[in-house]
N, C-alpha and C. Protein backbone atom coordinates (compact mmCIF):
# COMPACT_ATOMS: atom_id res chain seq x y z
N MET A 1 62.37 -46.31 101.90
CA MET A 1 61.39 -45.79 100.38
C MET A 1 60.43 -46.14 101.11
N LEU A 2 59.46 -46.90 100.77
CA LEU A 2 57.68 -47.57 100.72
C LEU A 2 57.24 -46.23 102.44
N SER A 3 58.23 -46.80 104.01
CA SER A 3 57.42 -46.01 104.46
C SER A 3 57.50 -44.86 104.72
N SER A 4 57.99 -44.12 103.99
CA SER A 4 57.44 -42.23 103.58
C SER A 4 56.89 -42.04 102.57
N ARG A 5 56.73 -43.17 101.26
CA ARG A 5 55.25 -42.90 100.58
C ARG A 5 54.23 -43.27 101.37
N TYR A 6 53.89 -44.12 102.78
CA TYR A 6 52.95 -43.86 102.87
C TYR A 6 52.76 -43.34 104.27
N LEU A 7 53.59 -42.56 104.47
CA LEU A 7 53.38 -41.85 105.45
C LEU A 7 52.81 -40.27 104.72
N ILE A 8 53.53 -39.81 103.95
CA ILE A 8 53.35 -39.01 102.28
C ILE A 8 52.01 -38.84 102.79
N ALA A 9 50.67 -39.87 102.06
CA ALA A 9 49.90 -40.42 102.45
C ALA A 9 49.09 -40.49 103.31
N VAL A 10 49.41 -41.39 103.97
CA VAL A 10 48.50 -41.25 105.76
C VAL A 10 48.25 -39.13 105.42
N VAL A 11 49.57 -38.38 105.93
CA VAL A 11 48.95 -37.39 105.93
C VAL A 11 48.64 -36.77 104.48
N SER A 12 48.78 -36.36 103.39
CA SER A 12 47.92 -36.10 102.62
C SER A 12 46.63 -36.85 103.28
N PHE A 13 46.04 -37.76 103.06
CA PHE A 13 44.68 -38.72 103.74
C PHE A 13 43.47 -37.28 104.48
N VAL A 14 44.34 -36.70 106.19
CA VAL A 14 44.39 -36.57 107.24
C VAL A 14 43.94 -35.09 106.58
N LEU A 15 45.10 -34.58 105.75
CA LEU A 15 44.87 -33.14 105.83
C LEU A 15 43.68 -32.87 104.37
N VAL A 16 43.16 -33.40 103.54
CA VAL A 16 41.77 -33.96 102.95
C VAL A 16 40.37 -33.68 103.64
N GLY A 17 41.36 -34.94 104.18
CA GLY A 17 40.00 -35.12 105.74
C GLY A 17 39.36 -33.49 106.62
N CYS A 18 40.74 -32.36 106.34
CA CYS A 18 40.08 -31.26 107.61
C CYS A 18 39.30 -30.72 106.28
N VAL A 19 39.83 -30.72 104.71
CA VAL A 19 39.14 -29.42 104.12
C VAL A 19 38.03 -28.48 104.31
N ASP A 20 37.44 -27.30 104.88
CA ASP A 20 36.17 -27.14 105.24
C ASP A 20 35.60 -27.08 103.25
N THR A 21 33.95 -26.83 104.28
CA THR A 21 33.21 -26.93 103.00
C THR A 21 32.45 -25.55 103.26
N ARG A 22 32.18 -24.58 102.13
CA ARG A 22 31.91 -23.13 102.04
C ARG A 22 30.49 -23.14 103.16
N ASP A 23 30.52 -22.03 103.95
CA ASP A 23 29.60 -21.25 104.17
C ASP A 23 28.75 -20.93 103.36
N PRO A 24 26.68 -21.30 104.27
CA PRO A 24 25.93 -21.08 103.41
C PRO A 24 25.58 -18.85 103.82
N PHE A 25 24.76 -18.78 102.62
CA PHE A 25 25.10 -17.63 102.43
C PHE A 25 22.91 -17.05 102.10
N PRO A 26 22.74 -16.99 102.82
CA PRO A 26 21.30 -17.07 102.79
C PRO A 26 20.26 -16.05 102.67
N VAL A 27 19.73 -15.52 101.56
CA VAL A 27 19.18 -13.83 101.45
C VAL A 27 18.50 -13.83 102.38
N ALA A 28 18.13 -12.92 102.81
CA ALA A 28 17.19 -11.77 103.77
C ALA A 28 15.97 -12.23 103.39
N LEU A 29 15.07 -12.14 104.66
CA LEU A 29 13.78 -12.73 104.87
C LEU A 29 12.93 -11.32 103.49
N LYS A 30 13.59 -10.22 104.80
CA LYS A 30 12.59 -8.62 104.78
C LYS A 30 14.45 -8.24 103.72
N GLN A 31 13.78 -7.43 102.72
CA GLN A 31 14.86 -6.90 101.95
C GLN A 31 14.19 -4.59 101.74
N ALA A 32 14.96 -3.98 101.97
CA ALA A 32 14.84 -2.34 101.93
C ALA A 32 13.60 -1.72 101.40
N ASN A 33 13.91 -2.66 99.88
CA ASN A 33 12.64 -1.66 98.99
C ASN A 33 11.93 -2.53 98.81
N ASP A 34 11.32 -3.74 99.74
CA ASP A 34 10.53 -4.53 99.21
C ASP A 34 8.89 -3.60 98.97
N ASN A 35 8.66 -2.67 99.95
CA ASN A 35 7.20 -2.27 100.54
C ASN A 35 7.98 -1.41 99.13
N GLN A 36 8.69 -0.78 97.54
CA GLN A 36 8.29 -0.33 96.79
C GLN A 36 7.86 -0.87 96.14
N LEU A 37 8.23 -1.97 95.59
CA LEU A 37 8.07 -3.72 94.39
C LEU A 37 6.55 -3.37 93.84
N THR A 38 6.65 -3.12 92.59
CA THR A 38 5.08 -4.18 91.57
C THR A 38 5.03 -4.64 91.96
N CYS A 39 3.15 -4.63 91.70
CA CYS A 39 3.39 -6.68 91.55
C CYS A 39 4.62 -7.05 90.57
N GLU A 40 4.16 -6.96 89.35
CA GLU A 40 5.26 -7.96 88.33
C GLU A 40 6.30 -7.75 88.64
N GLN A 41 6.86 -7.30 89.66
CA GLN A 41 8.35 -7.35 90.34
C GLN A 41 7.83 -7.86 91.85
N ILE A 42 7.31 -7.90 92.28
CA ILE A 42 6.37 -9.35 93.06
C ILE A 42 6.87 -10.31 92.82
N GLN A 43 5.92 -10.85 91.61
CA GLN A 43 5.79 -11.66 90.71
C GLN A 43 7.48 -12.17 90.35
N MET A 44 8.62 -11.66 89.19
CA MET A 44 8.74 -11.91 88.52
C MET A 44 10.21 -12.76 89.89
N ASN A 45 10.68 -11.48 90.87
CA ASN A 45 11.40 -11.91 92.58
C ASN A 45 10.27 -13.12 92.81
N TYR A 46 9.51 -13.64 92.79
CA TYR A 46 8.74 -14.92 93.12
C TYR A 46 9.52 -16.62 92.58
N LYS A 47 9.12 -15.62 91.52
CA LYS A 47 9.21 -17.36 90.33
C LYS A 47 10.63 -16.61 90.17
N VAL A 48 11.93 -16.20 89.31
CA VAL A 48 13.32 -16.81 89.49
C VAL A 48 13.97 -16.96 90.94
N ASN A 49 13.47 -15.88 92.87
CA ASN A 49 13.45 -17.35 93.72
C ASN A 49 13.10 -18.74 93.71
N THR A 50 11.83 -18.71 93.22
CA THR A 50 11.43 -20.56 92.55
C THR A 50 12.48 -21.27 92.20
N GLU A 51 12.89 -20.78 91.10
CA GLU A 51 13.83 -21.57 90.15
C GLU A 51 14.92 -21.38 90.84
N VAL A 52 15.48 -20.95 91.10
CA VAL A 52 16.86 -21.24 92.27
C VAL A 52 16.77 -22.13 93.66
N ALA A 53 15.93 -21.81 94.05
CA ALA A 53 15.84 -22.60 94.83
C ALA A 53 15.49 -24.50 95.04
N THR A 54 14.32 -24.57 93.22
CA THR A 54 14.46 -25.74 93.15
C THR A 54 15.87 -26.55 93.10
N GLN A 55 17.05 -25.36 92.62
CA GLN A 55 18.32 -26.19 91.49
C GLN A 55 18.61 -26.27 93.45
N LYS A 56 18.91 -25.57 93.75
CA LYS A 56 19.94 -25.07 95.15
C LYS A 56 19.42 -26.91 96.37
N ILE A 57 17.60 -26.99 96.28
CA ILE A 57 17.02 -28.18 97.00
C ILE A 57 17.86 -28.95 96.18
N ALA A 58 17.61 -29.65 95.04
CA ALA A 58 18.17 -30.45 94.28
C ALA A 58 19.57 -30.91 94.85
N LEU A 59 20.19 -30.00 94.22
CA LEU A 59 21.97 -30.09 93.63
C LEU A 59 21.70 -30.53 95.23
N ASN A 60 21.12 -29.98 96.42
CA ASN A 60 22.04 -30.20 98.62
C ASN A 60 21.36 -32.20 98.52
N ASN A 61 20.43 -32.65 97.81
CA ASN A 61 19.53 -33.73 98.35
C ASN A 61 20.17 -35.12 97.15
N GLU A 62 21.18 -34.30 95.88
CA GLU A 62 21.90 -35.38 95.44
C GLU A 62 23.06 -35.10 95.66
N ASP A 63 23.75 -34.47 96.82
CA ASP A 63 24.92 -34.07 97.55
C ASP A 63 24.58 -34.80 98.61
N ASP A 64 23.77 -35.21 99.47
CA ASP A 64 23.67 -36.03 100.88
C ASP A 64 24.05 -37.31 100.62
N VAL A 65 23.83 -37.82 99.68
CA VAL A 65 24.28 -39.94 98.75
C VAL A 65 25.69 -39.00 98.91
N GLN A 66 26.34 -38.31 98.13
CA GLN A 66 27.77 -38.39 98.01
C GLN A 66 27.96 -38.23 100.31
N ASP A 67 28.25 -37.27 100.39
CA ASP A 67 28.12 -37.14 101.90
C ASP A 67 28.23 -38.67 102.84
N VAL A 68 27.00 -38.43 102.57
CA VAL A 68 26.77 -40.11 103.27
C VAL A 68 27.94 -41.33 103.01
N LEU A 69 28.26 -41.30 101.78
CA LEU A 69 29.30 -42.63 101.83
C LEU A 69 31.55 -41.80 101.87
N LEU A 70 30.92 -39.96 101.37
CA LEU A 70 32.35 -40.22 101.70
C LEU A 70 32.53 -39.99 103.31
N GLY A 71 31.36 -39.48 104.16
CA GLY A 71 31.91 -39.04 105.71
C GLY A 71 31.69 -40.22 106.34
N GLY A 72 30.04 -40.77 105.96
CA GLY A 72 30.27 -42.23 107.00
C GLY A 72 31.23 -43.70 106.67
N LEU A 73 31.75 -43.47 105.15
CA LEU A 73 32.52 -44.61 105.07
C LEU A 73 33.94 -44.10 104.15
N ILE A 74 34.30 -42.99 104.71
CA ILE A 74 35.95 -42.79 103.68
C ILE A 74 36.21 -42.04 105.17
N TRP A 75 35.77 -40.99 105.25
CA TRP A 75 36.48 -39.89 106.34
C TRP A 75 35.08 -38.85 106.04
N PRO A 76 35.32 -37.96 107.93
CA PRO A 76 34.35 -38.24 107.61
C PRO A 76 34.28 -35.73 107.50
N GLY A 77 35.71 -35.89 107.45
CA GLY A 77 36.30 -34.51 107.07
C GLY A 77 35.77 -34.17 105.92
N LEU A 78 35.56 -35.03 104.56
CA LEU A 78 35.21 -35.04 102.95
C LEU A 78 33.31 -34.53 103.24
N ALA A 79 32.86 -34.77 103.81
CA ALA A 79 30.92 -34.61 103.70
C ALA A 79 31.02 -32.45 103.93
N ASP A 80 29.94 -32.85 103.41
CA ASP A 80 29.77 -31.08 103.51
C ASP A 80 27.96 -31.56 104.76
N PHE A 81 28.49 -30.48 105.84
CA PHE A 81 27.88 -31.24 106.55
C PHE A 81 27.05 -29.69 106.94
N LYS A 82 27.90 -28.79 106.41
CA LYS A 82 27.20 -27.37 106.12
C LYS A 82 25.42 -26.91 105.31
N ASN A 83 25.39 -27.71 104.34
CA ASN A 83 24.29 -28.22 103.43
C ASN A 83 23.60 -26.47 103.09
N ALA A 84 24.92 -25.99 102.96
CA ALA A 84 24.60 -24.17 101.92
C ALA A 84 23.72 -24.41 100.80
N ASP A 85 23.35 -25.03 99.94
CA ASP A 85 22.78 -24.84 99.40
C ASP A 85 21.36 -25.05 99.48
N GLY A 86 20.86 -26.21 100.99
CA GLY A 86 19.82 -26.65 101.38
C GLY A 86 19.13 -24.96 102.27
N VAL A 87 20.17 -24.50 102.57
CA VAL A 87 19.77 -23.81 103.65
C VAL A 87 19.72 -22.82 102.97
N GLU A 88 20.23 -22.27 101.46
CA GLU A 88 19.91 -20.85 100.64
C GLU A 88 18.88 -21.07 100.05
N GLY A 89 18.15 -22.57 99.43
CA GLY A 89 17.33 -22.86 99.08
C GLY A 89 15.99 -22.25 99.77
N ASN A 90 16.22 -22.74 101.45
CA ASN A 90 14.88 -22.93 101.92
C ASN A 90 14.79 -21.00 102.27
N ALA A 91 15.88 -21.09 103.16
CA ALA A 91 16.00 -19.14 102.76
C ALA A 91 15.03 -17.97 101.98
N LEU A 92 15.79 -18.76 100.10
CA LEU A 92 14.59 -18.50 99.06
C LEU A 92 13.15 -18.49 99.65
N LEU A 93 13.38 -20.30 99.97
CA LEU A 93 11.51 -20.00 100.06
C LEU A 93 10.71 -19.22 101.15
N ASP A 94 11.42 -18.90 102.31
CA ASP A 94 11.46 -18.23 102.86
C ASP A 94 11.13 -17.12 102.67
N ARG A 95 11.74 -16.25 102.18
CA ARG A 95 11.18 -15.36 101.11
C ARG A 95 9.92 -14.90 100.46
N ASN A 96 10.09 -15.84 99.47
CA ASN A 96 8.59 -16.07 98.62
C ASN A 96 7.59 -16.28 99.70
N VAL A 97 7.25 -17.12 100.48
CA VAL A 97 6.25 -16.30 101.54
C VAL A 97 6.15 -15.44 101.94
N TRP A 98 6.82 -13.74 102.57
CA TRP A 98 7.07 -13.20 102.70
C TRP A 98 6.50 -11.94 101.32
N LEU A 99 6.94 -12.56 100.03
CA LEU A 99 6.63 -11.90 99.04
C LEU A 99 5.34 -11.86 98.85
N ARG A 100 4.68 -13.54 98.50
CA ARG A 100 3.18 -13.61 98.88
C ARG A 100 2.10 -12.35 99.62
N GLU A 101 3.18 -12.57 100.62
CA GLU A 101 2.60 -11.67 101.66
C GLU A 101 2.60 -10.61 101.10
N LEU A 102 3.04 -10.15 100.97
CA LEU A 102 3.02 -8.30 100.24
C LEU A 102 2.03 -8.47 98.67
N ALA A 103 2.78 -9.63 98.34
CA ALA A 103 1.26 -9.47 96.52
C ALA A 103 0.10 -9.43 97.53
N VAL A 104 0.02 -10.31 97.97
CA VAL A 104 -2.09 -10.42 98.20
C VAL A 104 -2.29 -8.98 99.80
N ALA A 105 -1.34 -8.47 99.95
CA ALA A 105 -2.01 -7.28 100.15
C ALA A 105 -1.99 -5.63 99.28
N GLY A 106 -1.29 -6.27 97.86
CA GLY A 106 -0.85 -5.25 97.60
C GLY A 106 -2.54 -4.87 96.27
N ASN A 107 -3.24 -6.47 96.87
CA ASN A 107 -3.69 -6.57 95.80
C ASN A 107 -3.04 -7.43 94.46
N CYS A 108 -2.61 -7.83 94.00
CA CYS A 108 -1.98 -8.45 93.59
C CYS A 108 -2.27 -10.15 92.48
N ASN A 109 -2.63 -10.12 91.23
CA ASN A 109 -2.83 -11.82 91.16
C ASN A 109 -2.30 -12.38 91.70
N THR A 110 -2.35 -13.69 92.46
CA THR A 110 -1.62 -14.11 92.96
C THR A 110 -1.12 -15.93 92.75
N LEU A 111 -2.42 -15.80 91.74
CA LEU A 111 -2.37 -17.37 90.61
C LEU A 111 -1.83 -17.75 89.62
N ALA A 112 -0.91 -16.92 88.88
CA ALA A 112 0.72 -17.40 88.15
C ALA A 112 1.31 -17.90 88.68
N TYR A 113 1.76 -17.87 90.50
CA TYR A 113 2.76 -18.00 91.11
C TYR A 113 3.42 -19.14 90.75
N PRO A 114 4.13 -20.00 90.78
CA PRO A 114 5.07 -21.25 90.80
C PRO A 114 4.82 -21.82 92.02
N PRO A 115 4.47 -23.14 92.00
CA PRO A 115 4.60 -24.32 93.11
C PRO A 115 5.95 -23.61 93.17
N GLN A 116 6.11 -24.10 94.51
CA GLN A 116 6.96 -24.33 95.45
C GLN A 116 7.61 -25.60 95.56
N PRO A 117 9.14 -26.01 95.73
CA PRO A 117 9.49 -27.18 95.95
C PRO A 117 9.58 -27.74 97.93
N ALA A 118 9.12 -28.64 97.23
CA ALA A 118 9.55 -28.97 99.18
C ALA A 118 10.55 -28.57 99.25
N ARG A 119 10.32 -27.72 100.61
CA ARG A 119 12.00 -27.52 101.34
C ARG A 119 12.38 -28.75 102.03
N TYR A 120 14.44 -28.71 101.92
CA TYR A 120 15.43 -29.14 101.98
C TYR A 120 15.21 -29.41 103.22
N ASP A 121 15.09 -30.88 104.35
CA ASP A 121 15.48 -31.29 105.42
C ASP A 121 16.48 -32.13 106.06
């Protein structure tokens, strides 16, 4: 009986190690209606993107410690090497670069735009 429990535990461990992590879905740099955005809309998009990117990058940075522990010390299949939150956060920051360019081209005041967080590496 002990051997069948052991076999079940090993098989379960191997199957859990094969769990796939979520794929990143980064926001598009340029969007169809970008040229129709007002200065206020550009600023609001920029602000929201900054807040979401900050959260996603912070979450991904926190998860990196866990991924090292799980992937390096326990089982590589448990780690998230796709870094979906970091990739998505970086895409939002890239979009903000584009939005700022739109704002400058449209003579919008960008002085109140929030500072950007450090990109996820």
